[in-house]
Amino acid sequence: MKVVDARAKTDDELAEQLDGLGREIFNLRFQRANGQLENTARVRQVRRDIARIKTVLGERHRKAS
């Protein structure tokens, strides 16, 4: 996901996607701990996507204040 994509979405869509990414990172951590994780780069991608979404939501929150 790019920042442009995140900014095009509504707050509800971003919150829903953030929830899904949170579940995914949880599962990826378990897979890594058990040695079952095949795509190790996915952990980094998900973490960065979460950070992008939180950044956009924070910007919107500060702008609304």
Protein backbone atom coordinates (compact mmCIF):
# COMPACT_ATOMS: atom_id res chain seq x y z
CA MET A 1 0.00 0.00 0.00
CA LYS A 2 1.17 3.48 -0.80
CA VAL A 3 0.37 6.64 1.14
CA VAL A 4 -1.70 7.91 -1.79
CA ASP A 5 -3.90 4.80 -1.52
CA ALA A 6 -4.32 5.26 2.23
CA ARG A 7 -5.28 8.92 1.86
CA ALA A 8 -7.92 8.02 -0.72
CA LYS A 9 -9.75 5.76 1.77
CA THR A 10 -12.20 6.78 4.47
CA ASP A 11 -11.43 6.53 8.17
CA ASP A 12 -13.70 3.49 8.51
CA GLU A 13 -11.96 1.68 5.66
CA LEU A 14 -8.56 2.45 7.17
CA ALA A 15 -9.66 1.26 10.61
CA GLU A 16 -10.96 -1.97 9.10
CA GLN A 17 -7.73 -2.52 7.18
CA LEU A 18 -5.68 -1.73 10.29
CA ASP A 19 -7.61 -4.39 12.20
CA GLY A 20 -6.94 -6.94 9.46
CA LEU A 21 -3.25 -6.10 9.34
CA GLY A 22 -3.04 -6.44 13.11
CA ARG A 23 -4.40 -9.97 12.86
CA GLU A 24 -2.00 -10.74 10.02
CA ILE A 25 1.08 -9.54 11.90
CA PHE A 26 -0.02 -11.63 14.89
CA ASN A 27 -0.22 -14.74 12.72
CA LEU A 28 3.08 -13.96 11.03
CA ARG A 29 4.82 -13.73 14.40
CA PHE A 30 3.55 -17.18 15.34
CA GLN A 31 4.66 -18.61 12.02
CA ARG A 32 8.11 -17.10 12.45
CA ALA A 33 8.41 -18.49 15.98
CA ASN A 34 7.45 -21.97 14.78
CA GLY A 35 9.76 -21.83 11.78
CA GLN A 36 6.87 -22.01 9.31
CA LEU A 37 7.23 -18.53 7.83
CA GLU A 38 8.18 -18.70 4.16
CA ASN A 39 8.02 -15.04 3.14
CA THR A 40 10.01 -13.22 5.82
CA ALA A 41 9.74 -9.90 3.98
CA ARG A 42 5.98 -9.90 4.55
CA VAL A 43 6.50 -9.06 8.24
CA ARG A 44 8.30 -5.86 7.28
CA GLN A 45 5.65 -4.95 4.69
CA VAL A 46 2.81 -5.38 7.16
CA ARG A 47 4.57 -3.35 9.86
CA ARG A 48 5.15 -0.51 7.43
CA ASP A 49 1.56 -0.63 6.16
CA ILE A 50 0.34 -0.37 9.75
CA ALA A 51 2.60 2.63 10.31
CA ARG A 52 1.34 4.32 7.13
CA ILE A 53 -2.28 3.87 8.13
CA LYS A 54 -1.66 5.15 11.65
CA THR A 55 0.18 8.16 10.23
CA VAL A 56 -2.69 9.07 7.90
CA LEU A 57 -5.27 8.63 10.67
CA GLY A 58 -3.16 10.77 13.00
CA GLU A 59 -2.84 13.51 10.40
CA ARG A 60 -6.59 13.54 9.91
CA HIS A 61 -7.22 13.63 13.63
CA ARG A 62 -4.84 16.57 14.15
CA LYS A 63 -6.34 18.40 11.18
CA ALA A 64 -9.86 17.96 12.58
CA SER A 65 -8.83 19.32 16.00
